[in-house]
Structures are given as C-alpha cells and as structure tokens.
C-alpha cells in the first residue's frame, strides 16, 4: 500500500527540440492508488525568493486532494499529516519541485500543504479535487514548533507571508475533522 503523500517523477522524452512529458494520466495515477477526480487547476506566481505559502487545507465535506508542480523556478513543497488518530499526526514530508526536475507532489485530503520558493519568480501549478470553498478554508502556522518543518530558509531571513498565513493557528489548537484511514505517512521515494 503506497504512502498517502507521493512524489511523482514523470518521465521526460527528449531530443534536439527539447522534451515532452505526460504530467497527468488518470489510468497511470490510478495504478499508483491515486483515484481522485481533479476539477480545478490553480497557478500562482511568487516574485521574491523565500515567499512562503501555507500551510493550507480545506475541511470536509470540501476537502481537496492536490497534485502540485513547479513550472518556473524551484520550490520546497511540504505536506503535514493532520488526520486524527494517525500514528504520524503532525509529521511532515517535503521535496524540491522545480521546472528543471519536473517532479510533482500528490497531497491527499487530510494533509496541510505549503511551499517556500527557492528563487525569484517561481510559478506553481496544481490540480485540486474540489473547488475553493471559503467556508472550509483552514490552515496551521508555517513555523509551528510542534511540527518542526525544516524550511530551507537562511537563518535570520523572514519569509514573505500573507497576513493570513502569519497568524494561522497552531496544530495544538486545531481539532482535526480528518479521519485516519490506515495508511501512515512514509518518507518520499
């Protein structure tokens, strides 16, 4: 049984013109145990290096599975387990996603998501399994000491944050509505 959060490394086929890759195929993803239906695509531009977006999620019944990729620049993308009763509750995994490496991170419902840009002018594109629902919008603090994310930000550097992200609640103050379905978070391959 695969980990609920998965690093996807699509194969690129290159020649003198450049390369081609298939970034999403429903049958290929189903073979990985990813069988959600994506209904919304989002695209963001973060101009300054060390822009941090997160940690975000939507609560049931409007939870969102996400498939994230960086199409310009590079980011450090993370997922935090926020499923009640999970043996890996509050633990996180992360991976560098870049336009160069073409990797994607699948983040299922029950995980908070965030990323920090590693260079200027990063563009991130991601698919969601539900549309944005303001009444279900939630988050936890990006620097919550209980979670202990090791963001690749130089000591003494304050990331660029939205006003909302700067004051998200701590995980200890969050009563999770997400059930644990029996698959603990595992390190990314």
Protein backbone atom coordinates (compact mmCIF):
# COMPACT_ATOMS: atom_id res chain seq x y z
CA UNK A 1 0.00 0.00 0.00
CA UNK A 2 1.61 3.33 -1.07
CA UNK A 3 2.11 6.25 1.29
CA UNK A 4 -0.78 8.72 1.10
CA UNK A 5 1.64 11.52 0.03
CA UNK A 6 3.53 10.55 -3.10
CA UNK A 7 6.40 12.07 -5.07
CA UNK A 8 5.64 11.62 -8.77
CA UNK A 9 8.57 11.70 -11.19
CA UNK A 10 7.13 11.82 -14.72
CA UNK A 11 9.44 10.52 -17.42
CA UNK A 12 10.70 13.07 -19.94
CA UNK A 13 11.37 12.16 -23.55
CA UNK A 14 13.98 14.48 -25.05
CA UNK A 15 15.59 15.20 -28.37
CA UNK A 16 17.18 18.19 -30.14
CA UNK A 17 13.89 20.13 -29.87
CA UNK A 18 13.63 19.81 -26.08
CA UNK A 19 11.46 17.34 -24.17
CA UNK A 20 7.92 16.02 -23.75
CA UNK A 21 6.31 14.65 -20.60
CA UNK A 22 2.90 13.40 -19.61
CA UNK A 23 2.12 15.23 -16.34
CA UNK A 24 -1.23 13.60 -15.66
CA UNK A 25 -2.97 10.47 -16.87
CA UNK A 26 -5.97 9.15 -14.98
CA UNK A 27 -5.11 5.45 -15.63
CA UNK A 28 -1.43 5.93 -14.72
CA UNK A 29 -2.30 7.71 -11.48
CA UNK A 30 -4.95 5.09 -10.63
CA UNK A 31 -2.21 2.45 -10.89
CA UNK A 32 -0.42 4.40 -8.10
CA UNK A 33 -3.53 4.33 -5.92
CA UNK A 34 -4.48 7.92 -6.79
CA UNK A 35 -8.07 7.75 -7.99
CA UNK A 36 -9.47 11.20 -7.28
CA UNK A 37 -11.06 13.37 -9.93
CA UNK A 38 -9.46 16.79 -10.40
CA UNK A 39 -11.92 19.65 -11.02
CA UNK A 40 -9.87 22.85 -10.60
CA UNK A 41 -6.40 23.99 -11.70
CA UNK A 42 -4.60 26.78 -9.83
CA UNK A 43 -1.50 28.73 -10.89
CA UNK A 44 0.49 31.11 -8.70
CA UNK A 45 3.43 33.46 -9.23
CA UNK A 46 5.68 34.26 -6.27
CA UNK A 47 8.06 37.06 -7.19
CA UNK A 48 10.54 37.26 -4.27
CA UNK A 49 12.74 34.35 -3.23
CA UNK A 50 11.64 32.88 0.14
CA UNK A 51 7.94 33.54 -0.43
CA UNK A 52 6.14 31.04 1.79
CA UNK A 53 2.57 29.95 1.11
CA UNK A 54 0.86 27.70 3.63
CA UNK A 55 0.07 25.64 5.48
CA UNK A 56 -3.36 25.26 3.87
CA UNK A 57 -6.19 22.74 3.59
CA UNK A 58 -9.96 22.58 3.15
CA UNK A 59 -12.11 20.77 5.70
CA UNK A 60 -14.78 18.17 4.91
CA UNK A 61 -17.02 17.97 3.07
CA UNK A 62 -14.96 20.21 0.74
CA UNK A 63 -11.52 18.64 1.27
CA UNK A 64 -9.04 18.83 -1.59
CA UNK A 65 -6.56 16.31 -2.96
CA UNK A 66 -3.77 18.28 -4.68
CA UNK A 67 -1.23 17.50 -7.38
CA UNK A 68 1.47 20.18 -7.23
CA UNK A 69 4.25 21.03 -9.68
CA UNK A 70 6.60 23.94 -10.19
CA UNK A 71 6.61 25.17 -13.78
CA UNK A 72 9.14 28.02 -13.36
CA UNK A 73 11.96 28.18 -10.81
CA UNK A 74 12.08 25.87 -7.79
CA UNK A 75 10.25 25.36 -4.51
CA UNK A 76 10.45 23.23 -1.39
CA UNK A 77 6.97 21.67 -1.16
CA UNK A 78 5.67 20.03 2.03
CA UNK A 79 2.72 18.07 3.38
CA UNK A 80 1.81 17.72 7.08
CA UNK A 81 -0.32 14.83 8.37
CA UNK A 82 -3.36 16.31 10.16
CA UNK A 83 -5.53 13.16 10.27
CA UNK A 84 -6.98 12.49 13.73
CA UNK A 85 -5.66 9.23 15.17
CA UNK A 86 -2.84 8.88 12.66
CA UNK A 87 0.41 7.48 14.13
CA UNK A 88 2.20 10.11 12.01
CA UNK A 89 -0.04 13.04 13.09
CA UNK A 90 1.91 16.30 12.94
CA UNK A 91 4.77 14.79 10.91
CA UNK A 92 5.77 16.20 7.56
CA UNK A 93 7.49 15.26 4.31
CA UNK A 94 8.95 17.56 1.71
CA UNK A 95 10.57 17.57 -1.69
CA UNK A 96 12.15 20.03 -4.06
CA UNK A 97 9.96 20.59 -7.09
CA UNK A 98 11.40 22.54 -10.00
CA UNK A 99 10.82 23.34 -13.63
CA UNK A 100 14.08 21.51 -14.26
CA UNK A 101 13.32 18.23 -12.45
CA UNK A 102 9.60 18.08 -13.39
CA UNK A 103 8.67 16.30 -10.15
CA UNK A 104 5.17 16.57 -8.69
CA UNK A 105 3.82 16.04 -5.18
CA UNK A 106 0.44 14.38 -4.63
CA UNK A 107 -1.10 15.58 -1.35
CA UNK A 108 -4.36 13.87 -0.35
CA UNK A 109 -7.19 15.16 1.79
CA UNK A 110 -6.11 15.15 5.44
CA UNK A 111 -2.79 16.88 4.89
CA UNK A 112 -1.86 20.54 5.20
CA UNK A 113 0.14 21.86 2.25
CA UNK A 114 2.69 24.61 1.88
CA UNK A 115 5.79 25.63 -0.02
CA UNK A 116 8.62 28.14 0.01
CA UNK A 117 10.23 29.49 -3.15
CA UNK A 118 13.95 28.82 -3.57
CA UNK A 119 14.50 31.53 -6.16
CA UNK A 120 12.80 34.65 -7.55
CA UNK A 121 9.84 34.46 -9.94
CA UNK A 122 8.53 30.97 -9.21
CA UNK A 123 5.34 29.71 -10.80
CA UNK A 124 3.44 26.82 -9.25
CA UNK A 125 0.56 24.96 -10.86
CA UNK A 126 -1.64 22.49 -9.06
CA UNK A 127 -4.74 20.44 -9.60
CA UNK A 128 -7.44 20.17 -6.91
CA UNK A 129 -10.18 17.57 -6.44
CA UNK A 130 -12.69 20.21 -5.28
CA UNK A 131 -13.20 23.89 -5.98
CA UNK A 132 -12.24 26.60 -3.50
CA UNK A 133 -14.76 26.85 -0.64
CA UNK A 134 -14.10 29.85 1.66
CA UNK A 135 -16.22 28.33 4.45
CA UNK A 136 -13.98 25.25 4.52
CA UNK A 137 -10.68 27.13 4.25
CA UNK A 138 -8.23 26.22 7.01
CA UNK A 139 -4.59 26.34 7.94
CA UNK A 140 -1.91 25.86 10.55
CA UNK A 141 1.10 28.05 11.30
CA UNK A 142 4.05 27.64 8.93
CA UNK A 143 6.57 27.68 11.79
CA UNK A 144 4.64 25.63 14.37
CA UNK A 145 7.28 24.18 16.73
CA UNK A 146 5.19 21.03 17.24
CA UNK A 147 5.51 20.26 13.51
CA UNK A 148 9.12 21.47 13.20
CA UNK A 149 9.38 21.88 9.45
CA UNK A 150 12.99 22.46 8.40
CA UNK A 151 12.33 25.11 5.77
CA UNK A 152 15.37 25.84 3.56
CA UNK A 153 15.44 29.49 4.58
CA UNK A 154 18.74 31.05 5.74
CA UNK A 155 18.94 31.87 9.45
CA UNK A 156 17.81 35.44 10.09
CA UNK A 157 15.69 35.56 6.91
CA UNK A 158 12.00 36.24 7.33
CA UNK A 159 9.92 34.69 4.56
CA UNK A 160 7.39 36.70 2.57
CA UNK A 161 4.00 35.73 4.06
CA UNK A 162 0.40 36.73 3.53
CA UNK A 163 -1.28 38.42 6.51
CA UNK A 164 -3.47 35.31 6.85
CA UNK A 165 -0.55 32.86 6.88
CA UNK A 166 1.32 34.88 9.52
CA UNK A 167 -1.45 34.26 12.09
CA UNK A 168 -2.73 30.76 11.34
CA UNK A 169 -3.43 28.67 14.48
CA UNK A 170 -1.02 26.15 15.93
CA UNK A 171 -1.62 22.44 15.41
CA UNK A 172 -2.22 22.04 19.17
CA UNK A 173 -5.23 24.38 18.82
CA UNK A 174 -6.68 22.50 15.84
CA UNK A 175 -9.42 19.88 16.29
CA UNK A 176 -8.95 17.78 13.17
CA UNK A 177 -12.06 16.71 11.24
CA UNK A 178 -9.94 14.41 9.04
CA UNK A 179 -10.15 10.66 9.77
CA UNK A 180 -7.18 8.31 9.64
CA UNK A 181 -7.78 5.60 7.03
CA UNK A 182 -4.92 3.26 7.95
CA UNK A 183 -2.05 4.50 5.78
CA UNK A 184 0.67 6.21 7.83
CA UNK A 185 2.82 8.90 6.25
CA UNK A 186 6.09 7.44 4.91
CA UNK A 187 9.28 9.04 3.62
CA UNK A 188 9.11 10.08 -0.02
CA UNK A 189 10.82 7.80 -2.55
